[in-house]
N, C-alpha and C. Protein backbone atom coordinates (compact mmCIF):
# COMPACT_ATOMS: atom_id res chain seq x y z
N MET A 1 68.74 109.26 96.06
CA MET A 1 70.13 109.04 96.52
C MET A 1 70.81 109.61 95.10
N ALA A 2 72.00 110.56 95.41
CA ALA A 2 72.67 111.33 94.11
C ALA A 2 74.23 110.81 94.54
N SER A 3 74.35 110.45 93.08
CA SER A 3 75.74 109.50 92.92
C SER A 3 76.38 110.40 91.78
N SER A 4 77.69 111.02 92.04
CA SER A 4 78.53 111.29 91.29
C SER A 4 80.14 110.80 91.29
N THR A 5 80.94 110.96 90.37
CA THR A 5 82.00 110.42 90.50
C THR A 5 83.16 111.04 89.91
N ALA A 6 84.13 111.27 90.73
CA ALA A 6 85.16 112.18 90.53
C ALA A 6 86.45 111.62 90.58
N SER A 7 87.39 111.76 89.29
CA SER A 7 88.50 111.05 89.29
C SER A 7 88.21 109.46 89.80
N SER A 8 88.91 109.03 90.81
CA SER A 8 88.86 107.62 90.93
C SER A 8 87.76 107.23 92.66
N ARG A 9 87.58 108.44 92.82
CA ARG A 9 86.42 108.51 94.17
C ARG A 9 85.17 108.62 93.90
N THR A 10 84.39 108.30 94.54
CA THR A 10 82.78 108.03 94.44
C THR A 10 82.10 108.44 95.90
N GLU A 11 81.16 109.40 95.34
CA GLU A 11 80.60 110.34 96.56
C GLU A 11 79.44 109.99 96.48
N VAL A 12 78.70 109.54 97.74
CA VAL A 12 77.32 109.23 97.84
C VAL A 12 76.62 109.84 99.11
N ARG A 13 75.80 110.41 98.46
CA ARG A 13 75.14 111.07 99.63
C ARG A 13 73.44 110.46 100.04
N THR A 14 73.31 110.35 100.97
CA THR A 14 71.78 109.66 101.42
C THR A 14 71.21 110.87 102.01
N PRO A 15 69.78 110.64 101.87
CA PRO A 15 68.85 111.53 102.59
C PRO A 15 68.74 111.57 103.93
N ALA A 16 68.89 110.19 104.21
CA ALA A 16 68.60 109.67 105.84
C ALA A 16 69.78 110.30 106.30
N ALA A 17 70.95 110.40 105.90
CA ALA A 17 72.19 110.92 106.76
C ALA A 17 72.15 112.39 106.64
N ARG A 18 71.35 113.05 105.66
CA ARG A 18 71.59 114.73 106.12
C ARG A 18 72.83 115.33 106.08
N GLY A 19 73.49 115.41 105.20
CA GLY A 19 75.23 116.16 105.14
C GLY A 19 76.07 115.22 105.33
N VAL A 20 75.97 114.09 105.92
CA VAL A 20 77.17 113.23 105.77
C VAL A 20 77.49 112.63 104.20
N THR A 21 78.52 112.91 104.24
CA THR A 21 79.12 112.32 102.70
C THR A 21 80.06 111.26 102.87
N LEU A 22 79.47 110.13 102.59
CA LEU A 22 80.42 108.82 102.48
C LEU A 22 81.50 108.94 101.28
N VAL A 23 82.67 108.43 101.13
CA VAL A 23 83.78 109.06 100.12
C VAL A 23 84.31 106.99 100.32
N ASP A 24 84.46 106.34 99.00
CA ASP A 24 84.89 105.68 98.46
C ASP A 24 85.91 105.56 98.00
N THR A 25 87.32 105.28 98.37
CA THR A 25 88.49 105.62 97.75
C THR A 25 89.18 104.31 97.12
N ALA A 26 89.68 104.31 96.03
CA ALA A 26 90.50 102.98 95.46
C ALA A 26 91.58 102.65 96.62
N SER A 27 91.94 101.44 96.20
CA SER A 27 92.93 100.89 97.15
C SER A 27 94.19 101.13 97.31
N GLU A 28 94.50 101.76 95.97
CA GLU A 28 95.82 102.73 95.59
C GLU A 28 96.04 104.00 96.20
N GLU A 29 94.87 104.48 96.48
CA GLU A 29 95.32 105.64 97.20
C GLU A 29 95.30 105.76 98.74
N ILE A 30 96.21 106.84 98.98
CA ILE A 30 96.60 107.28 100.67
C ILE A 30 95.21 108.20 100.86
N LEU A 31 94.84 108.06 102.20
CA LEU A 31 93.69 108.73 102.79
C LEU A 31 94.24 109.25 103.79
N THR A 32 94.44 110.66 103.77
CA THR A 32 95.23 111.33 104.88
C THR A 32 94.17 111.26 106.31
N GLY A 33 94.72 112.06 107.51
CA GLY A 33 93.60 112.20 108.30
C GLY A 33 92.51 112.99 108.49
N GLU A 34 92.59 114.06 107.23
CA GLU A 34 91.51 114.72 107.04
C GLU A 34 90.75 114.57 105.99
N ALA A 35 90.58 112.95 105.57
CA ALA A 35 89.94 112.27 104.68
C ALA A 35 90.10 113.19 103.03
N VAL A 36 91.24 113.37 103.29
CA VAL A 36 91.71 113.74 101.82
C VAL A 36 92.50 112.68 100.99
N ALA A 37 91.89 111.97 99.86
CA ALA A 37 92.80 111.43 99.15
C ALA A 37 93.79 111.82 98.38
N LEU A 38 95.07 111.59 98.55
CA LEU A 38 96.21 111.95 97.81
C LEU A 38 96.54 111.17 96.44
N ASP A 39 96.92 112.02 95.71
CA ASP A 39 96.94 111.35 94.56
C ASP A 39 98.46 110.98 94.21
N VAL A 40 99.04 110.39 95.01
CA VAL A 40 100.38 109.38 94.90
C VAL A 40 100.09 108.03 94.81
N GLN A 41 101.33 107.26 94.07
CA GLN A 41 101.09 105.80 93.81
C GLN A 41 102.37 105.34 94.75
N PRO A 42 102.03 104.17 95.35
CA PRO A 42 102.94 103.26 96.45
C PRO A 42 103.94 102.94 95.22
N LEU A 43 105.11 102.82 95.84
CA LEU A 43 106.41 102.09 94.51
C LEU A 43 105.96 100.92 94.79
N GLY A 44 106.25 100.12 93.70
CA GLY A 44 105.99 98.81 93.30
C GLY A 44 107.08 97.50 94.03
N PHE A 45 107.14 96.34 94.00
CA PHE A 45 108.07 95.87 94.82
C PHE A 45 109.40 96.08 94.35
N PHE A 46 109.79 95.73 93.09
CA PHE A 46 111.01 95.94 92.72
C PHE A 46 111.64 97.35 92.72
N LEU A 47 111.07 98.45 92.47
CA LEU A 47 111.28 99.78 92.91
C LEU A 47 112.11 99.76 94.46
N ARG A 48 110.64 99.43 95.20
CA ARG A 48 111.33 98.96 96.82
C ARG A 48 112.75 98.41 97.21
N ALA A 49 112.74 97.11 96.18
CA ALA A 49 113.64 96.37 96.38
C ALA A 49 115.02 97.04 96.07
N LEU A 50 114.87 97.40 94.74
CA LEU A 50 116.14 98.34 94.24
C LEU A 50 116.65 99.31 95.03
N GLY A 51 115.69 100.17 95.90
CA GLY A 51 116.22 100.94 96.66
C GLY A 51 117.09 100.70 98.00
N CYS A 52 116.40 99.32 98.34
CA CYS A 52 116.82 98.76 99.65
C CYS A 52 117.98 98.19 99.27
N LEU A 53 118.34 98.04 98.15
CA LEU A 53 119.74 97.16 97.75
C LEU A 53 120.65 98.32 97.60
N ILE A 54 120.40 99.76 97.16
CA ILE A 54 121.39 100.64 97.11
C ILE A 54 121.56 100.97 98.62
N ASP A 55 120.56 101.10 99.55
CA ASP A 55 120.85 101.66 100.95
C ASP A 55 121.82 100.39 101.62
N MET A 56 121.70 99.23 101.22
CA MET A 56 122.45 98.19 102.02
C MET A 56 124.07 97.78 101.37
N ILE A 57 124.02 98.43 99.96
CA ILE A 57 125.27 98.71 99.50
C ILE A 57 126.16 99.60 100.46
N VAL A 58 125.55 100.61 100.34
CA VAL A 58 126.18 102.25 101.14
C VAL A 58 126.34 101.39 102.83
N GLY A 59 125.47 100.53 103.53
CA GLY A 59 126.15 100.40 104.51
C GLY A 59 127.00 99.14 104.51
N VAL A 60 126.89 98.23 103.48
CA VAL A 60 128.25 97.81 103.30
C VAL A 60 129.46 98.22 103.23
N VAL A 61 129.65 99.29 102.37
CA VAL A 61 130.65 100.05 102.30
C VAL A 61 131.39 100.67 103.68
N LEU A 62 130.17 101.37 104.26
CA LEU A 62 130.68 101.84 105.30
C LEU A 62 130.84 100.58 106.46
N LEU A 63 130.45 99.93 106.48
CA LEU A 63 131.04 98.78 107.30
C LEU A 63 132.33 98.56 107.05
N ILE A 64 132.72 98.28 105.64
CA ILE A 64 134.00 97.79 105.21
C ILE A 64 135.06 98.91 105.68
N GLY A 65 134.83 99.94 105.47
CA GLY A 65 135.70 101.00 105.83
C GLY A 65 136.10 101.28 107.01
N GLY A 66 134.61 101.22 107.93
CA GLY A 66 134.90 101.46 109.30
C GLY A 66 135.48 100.12 109.94
N GLY A 67 135.55 99.04 109.10
CA GLY A 67 136.28 98.08 109.81
C GLY A 67 137.86 97.96 109.42
N LEU A 68 138.26 98.71 108.68
CA LEU A 68 139.53 98.65 107.74
C LEU A 68 140.07 99.69 108.71
N LEU A 69 139.41 100.60 109.13
CA LEU A 69 140.41 101.85 110.03
C LEU A 69 140.30 101.32 111.39
N LEU A 70 139.50 100.39 111.92
CA LEU A 70 139.55 99.98 113.12
C LEU A 70 140.91 99.04 113.09
N VAL A 71 140.72 98.27 112.06
CA VAL A 71 141.85 97.31 111.77
C VAL A 71 143.32 97.80 111.78
N THR A 72 143.33 99.04 110.75
CA THR A 72 144.56 99.99 111.02
C THR A 72 144.85 100.69 112.22
N MET A 73 143.97 100.94 113.05
CA MET A 73 144.50 101.63 114.44
C MET A 73 144.75 100.49 115.37
N ALA A 74 144.09 99.03 115.35
CA ALA A 74 144.56 98.23 115.87
C ALA A 74 146.09 97.61 115.65
N ALA A 75 146.59 97.69 114.16
CA ALA A 75 147.62 97.20 114.30
C ALA A 75 148.67 98.21 114.31
N SER A 76 148.39 99.14 114.54
CA SER A 76 149.43 100.62 114.75
C SER A 76 149.61 100.55 116.12
N GLY A 77 148.75 99.99 117.18
CA GLY A 77 149.08 99.76 118.76
C GLY A 77 147.67 101.11 118.93
N SER A 78 147.36 101.86 118.40
CA SER A 78 146.38 103.25 119.12
C SER A 78 145.27 102.55 119.58
N LEU A 79 144.74 101.50 119.38
CA LEU A 79 143.57 100.93 119.68
C LEU A 79 143.69 99.31 120.47
N PRO A 80 143.67 99.43 121.91
CA PRO A 80 144.19 97.95 122.52
C PRO A 80 142.83 96.84 122.06
N GLU A 81 143.60 95.70 121.89
CA GLU A 81 142.22 94.37 121.70
C GLU A 81 140.89 94.65 122.28
N SER A 82 141.14 95.03 123.47
CA SER A 82 140.09 94.83 124.38
C SER A 82 138.70 96.13 123.81
N ALA A 83 139.71 96.96 123.72
CA ALA A 83 138.94 98.06 122.75
C ALA A 83 138.15 97.77 121.46
N LEU A 84 138.98 97.33 120.86
CA LEU A 84 138.48 96.72 119.62
C LEU A 84 137.21 96.04 119.42
N ARG A 85 137.19 95.38 120.19
CA ARG A 85 135.78 94.78 120.34
C ARG A 85 134.40 95.24 120.43
N ILE A 86 134.76 96.32 121.39
CA ILE A 86 133.88 97.19 121.68
C ILE A 86 133.64 98.09 120.50
N ALA A 87 134.90 98.70 119.79
CA ALA A 87 134.49 99.59 118.55
C ALA A 87 133.91 98.83 117.26
N VAL A 88 134.31 97.59 117.17
CA VAL A 88 133.42 96.61 116.44
C VAL A 88 132.03 96.41 116.65
N ILE A 89 131.43 96.13 117.91
CA ILE A 89 130.04 96.32 118.12
C ILE A 89 129.18 97.63 117.66
N THR A 90 130.22 98.89 118.52
CA THR A 90 129.44 100.13 118.01
C THR A 90 129.64 100.64 116.44
N LEU A 91 130.37 100.36 116.24
CA LEU A 91 130.19 100.12 114.20
C LEU A 91 129.27 99.65 113.77
N ILE A 92 129.06 98.29 114.49
CA ILE A 92 127.71 97.67 113.74
C ILE A 92 126.39 98.59 113.92
N VAL A 93 126.61 99.09 115.38
CA VAL A 93 124.90 99.30 115.77
C VAL A 93 124.84 100.58 114.87
N LEU A 94 126.17 101.46 114.89
CA LEU A 94 126.05 102.31 114.44
C LEU A 94 125.55 102.22 112.75
N VAL A 95 126.19 101.74 112.21
CA VAL A 95 125.86 101.51 110.67
C VAL A 95 124.31 100.81 110.36
N LEU A 96 123.89 99.85 111.09
CA LEU A 96 122.56 99.41 111.01
C LEU A 96 121.62 99.79 111.61
N VAL A 97 121.81 100.35 112.77
CA VAL A 97 120.39 101.28 113.29
C VAL A 97 120.39 102.39 113.59
N VAL A 98 121.42 102.90 113.95
CA VAL A 98 121.42 104.56 114.27
C VAL A 98 121.66 105.49 113.06
N LEU A 99 122.50 104.90 112.12
CA LEU A 99 122.63 105.67 110.50
C LEU A 99 121.28 105.74 110.18
N PRO A 100 120.55 104.54 109.77
CA PRO A 100 119.13 104.53 109.09
C PRO A 100 118.23 105.55 109.60
N THR A 101 118.00 105.21 111.05
CA THR A 101 117.09 105.78 111.74
C THR A 101 117.13 107.56 111.67
N ALA A 102 118.67 107.92 111.64
CA ALA A 102 118.61 109.24 111.53
C ALA A 102 118.52 110.01 110.31
N VAL A 103 118.78 109.19 109.15
CA VAL A 103 118.78 109.53 107.89
C VAL A 103 117.32 109.89 107.42
N GLU A 104 116.28 108.59 108.24
CA GLU A 104 114.91 108.84 107.77
C GLU A 104 114.26 109.69 108.35
N THR A 105 115.02 109.87 109.84
CA THR A 105 114.25 111.32 110.48
C THR A 105 114.46 112.36 110.02
N LEU A 106 115.53 112.59 109.48
CA LEU A 106 116.22 114.12 109.09
C LEU A 106 115.71 114.18 108.08
N SER A 107 115.54 113.35 107.27
CA SER A 107 115.20 113.74 105.47
C SER A 107 113.59 113.24 105.27
N ARG A 108 113.31 113.10 106.17
CA ARG A 108 111.55 112.93 106.34
C ARG A 108 111.13 111.77 105.50
N GLY A 109 112.20 110.69 105.67
CA GLY A 109 111.80 109.39 104.94
C GLY A 109 112.23 108.98 103.84
N ARG A 110 113.54 109.68 103.26
CA ARG A 110 114.01 109.34 102.09
C ARG A 110 115.36 108.91 102.76
N SER A 111 116.20 108.25 101.86
CA SER A 111 117.34 107.99 102.02
C SER A 111 118.29 107.72 100.39
N LEU A 112 119.36 107.41 100.33
CA LEU A 112 120.17 107.51 99.06
C LEU A 112 119.17 106.50 98.00
N GLY A 113 119.01 105.43 98.57
CA GLY A 113 118.32 104.38 97.61
C GLY A 113 116.81 104.60 97.20
N ARG A 114 116.20 105.28 98.44
CA ARG A 114 115.02 105.63 98.02
C ARG A 114 114.84 107.23 97.06
N LEU A 115 115.80 107.91 97.20
CA LEU A 115 116.09 109.31 96.67
C LEU A 115 116.14 109.03 95.14
N VAL A 116 117.07 107.57 94.86
CA VAL A 116 117.50 107.27 93.28
C VAL A 116 115.82 106.56 92.69
N VAL A 117 115.31 105.92 93.72
CA VAL A 117 114.38 105.50 92.75
C VAL A 117 113.02 105.92 92.97
N GLY A 118 113.16 107.12 93.72
CA GLY A 118 111.72 108.21 93.89
C GLY A 118 110.90 107.86 94.75
N GLY A 119 111.13 107.65 95.87
CA GLY A 119 109.90 107.02 96.68
C GLY A 119 110.68 108.01 98.18
N ARG A 120 109.70 107.73 99.03
CA ARG A 120 109.53 108.07 100.15
C ARG A 120 108.79 107.38 101.27
N ILE A 121 109.42 107.47 102.49
CA ILE A 121 108.88 106.48 103.73
C ILE A 121 107.68 107.54 104.06
N VAL A 122 106.38 107.24 104.06
CA VAL A 122 105.48 107.85 104.93
C VAL A 122 104.45 107.05 105.70
N ARG A 123 103.78 107.82 106.53
CA ARG A 123 102.84 106.91 107.25
C ARG A 123 101.34 106.58 106.08
N VAL A 124 100.78 105.99 106.87
CA VAL A 124 99.44 105.22 106.33
C VAL A 124 98.72 106.82 105.25
N ASP A 125 98.52 107.65 106.62
CA ASP A 125 97.89 108.95 106.13
C ASP A 125 98.59 109.89 105.24
N GLY A 126 99.69 109.57 104.59
CA GLY A 126 100.48 110.07 104.02
C GLY A 126 101.68 111.12 104.55
N GLY A 127 101.31 111.08 105.54
CA GLY A 127 102.36 112.24 106.51
C GLY A 127 103.90 111.71 106.63
N ALA A 128 104.68 112.51 106.94
CA ALA A 128 106.09 111.95 106.80
C ALA A 128 106.24 111.21 107.99
N ALA A 129 107.04 110.41 107.92
CA ALA A 129 107.14 109.07 109.43
C ALA A 129 108.29 109.68 110.44
N GLY A 130 108.08 109.95 111.32
CA GLY A 130 109.06 110.35 112.60
C GLY A 130 110.17 109.23 112.97
N PHE A 131 110.41 109.64 114.13
CA PHE A 131 111.59 109.21 114.57
C PHE A 131 111.16 107.34 115.02
N ARG A 132 110.39 107.66 115.82
CA ARG A 132 109.49 106.17 116.25
C ARG A 132 109.63 105.30 115.35
N ALA A 133 109.16 105.44 114.40
CA ALA A 133 108.54 104.80 113.04
C ALA A 133 109.86 104.52 112.40
N ALA A 134 110.91 105.44 112.12
CA ALA A 134 112.17 105.02 111.54
C ALA A 134 113.00 104.19 112.66
N PHE A 135 112.75 104.32 113.98
CA PHE A 135 113.68 103.34 114.80
C PHE A 135 112.91 102.15 114.59
N ILE A 136 111.66 102.02 114.74
CA ILE A 136 111.18 100.64 114.60
C ILE A 136 111.55 99.62 113.46
N ARG A 137 111.69 100.41 112.53
CA ARG A 137 112.14 100.21 110.88
C ARG A 137 113.42 99.55 110.53
N ALA A 138 114.10 100.48 111.80
CA ALA A 138 115.62 99.92 111.65
C ALA A 138 116.06 98.89 112.49
N LEU A 139 115.11 98.67 113.40
CA LEU A 139 115.38 97.57 114.54
C LEU A 139 115.23 96.10 113.84
N ILE A 140 113.77 96.52 112.99
CA ILE A 140 113.32 95.09 112.41
C ILE A 140 114.37 94.89 111.39
N GLY A 141 114.90 96.02 110.37
CA GLY A 141 115.57 95.83 109.33
C GLY A 141 117.08 94.99 109.70
N VAL A 142 117.05 95.00 110.85
CA VAL A 142 118.52 94.11 111.03
C VAL A 142 118.24 92.59 111.01
N LEU A 143 116.63 92.19 111.48
CA LEU A 143 116.50 91.01 111.12
C LEU A 143 115.82 90.60 109.75
N GLU A 144 115.17 91.30 109.19
CA GLU A 144 114.45 91.19 107.84
C GLU A 144 115.77 91.64 106.64
N LEU A 145 116.54 92.22 106.82
CA LEU A 145 117.21 92.63 105.55
C LEU A 145 118.72 92.42 105.81
N TRP A 146 119.22 92.28 107.02
CA TRP A 146 120.65 92.01 107.36
C TRP A 146 120.91 90.91 107.69
N LEU A 147 120.05 90.08 108.63
CA LEU A 147 120.29 88.63 109.12
C LEU A 147 119.99 87.52 108.16
N THR A 148 118.93 87.91 107.14
CA THR A 148 118.25 87.19 106.27
C THR A 148 119.06 87.50 104.68
N LEU A 149 119.76 88.58 104.51
CA LEU A 149 119.76 89.10 103.43
C LEU A 149 118.76 89.34 102.56
N GLY A 150 117.46 90.17 103.25
CA GLY A 150 116.84 90.64 102.43
C GLY A 150 115.14 89.84 101.98
N GLY A 151 115.67 88.46 102.58
CA GLY A 151 114.72 87.30 102.40
C GLY A 151 113.24 87.42 103.53
N ILE A 152 113.36 87.84 104.60
CA ILE A 152 112.01 87.81 104.94
C ILE A 152 111.42 89.34 104.35
N ALA A 153 112.17 90.26 103.99
CA ALA A 153 111.73 91.35 103.82
C ALA A 153 110.60 91.30 102.03
N ALA A 154 111.60 90.42 101.09
CA ALA A 154 111.10 89.95 99.90
C ALA A 154 109.77 88.93 99.84
N VAL A 155 109.49 88.02 101.11
CA VAL A 155 108.49 87.43 101.32
C VAL A 155 107.44 88.08 101.59
N VAL A 156 107.94 89.10 102.54
CA VAL A 156 106.47 89.51 103.14
C VAL A 156 105.86 90.83 102.00
N GLY A 157 106.76 91.39 101.55
CA GLY A 157 106.51 92.46 100.39
C GLY A 157 105.98 91.84 99.28
N MET A 158 105.98 90.21 98.95
CA MET A 158 105.19 90.06 97.84
C MET A 158 104.01 89.49 98.11
N PHE A 159 103.73 89.44 99.29
CA PHE A 159 102.37 89.30 99.59
C PHE A 159 101.36 90.31 100.55
N THR A 160 102.02 91.48 100.06
CA THR A 160 101.36 92.68 100.75
C THR A 160 100.97 93.78 99.53
N PRO A 161 99.51 93.88 99.82
CA PRO A 161 99.00 94.99 98.53
C PRO A 161 100.16 95.73 98.09
N ARG A 162 100.68 96.65 98.93
CA ARG A 162 101.60 97.80 98.81
C ARG A 162 103.37 97.55 98.83
N ALA A 163 103.67 96.35 98.79
CA ALA A 163 104.63 96.09 98.87
C ALA A 163 105.75 96.15 99.98
N GLN A 164 105.09 96.06 101.17
CA GLN A 164 105.37 96.95 102.72
C GLN A 164 106.35 95.78 103.24
N ARG A 165 107.46 95.95 103.68
CA ARG A 165 108.30 95.45 104.45
C ARG A 165 107.74 95.01 106.28
N LEU A 166 108.11 94.03 106.40
CA LEU A 166 107.86 93.91 108.26
C LEU A 166 107.61 95.11 109.05
N GLY A 167 108.86 95.84 108.54
CA GLY A 167 109.11 97.06 109.59
C GLY A 167 107.85 98.13 109.38
N ASP A 168 107.49 98.24 108.14
CA ASP A 168 106.50 99.25 107.72
C ASP A 168 104.99 98.76 108.46
N LEU A 169 104.80 97.26 108.20
CA LEU A 169 103.75 96.91 108.85
C LEU A 169 103.51 96.71 110.47
N VAL A 170 104.86 97.13 111.09
CA VAL A 170 105.00 97.01 112.53
C VAL A 170 104.63 98.47 113.07
């Protein structure tokens, strides 16, 4: 049995396997679908929390700005009261679900908060997260980030090895 160590990977060849190579990677490495270990480290809990906080502040600013615009339009009479209710619900859905989904999809896993902390949302195999993953993260984010002010995300993040949110795990 021959054994060699390269960086933090261990390659073991067994004579019975004839040409089959087993690779044992460290738990911090990301293994792609092509069995290539990427040399990137997941963000820690506090950096992920800081990026999320920045994104939530941007969301609150957008909600306040949109709310002020709607109140101004309603006060001037250009927006009837029945349409105001629809506009408020539309604003909430746009800011909490549609905007995060679009930003994550179009920027290939980046947002303003992740750009500041140097992070990016990736799949388990290291590829860019697509629309479906971004949409699921945004929908679950309404519960775990907005309705509990990040409480569920913080608890789940503290107990997962890569500080992942519930939306990441789903």
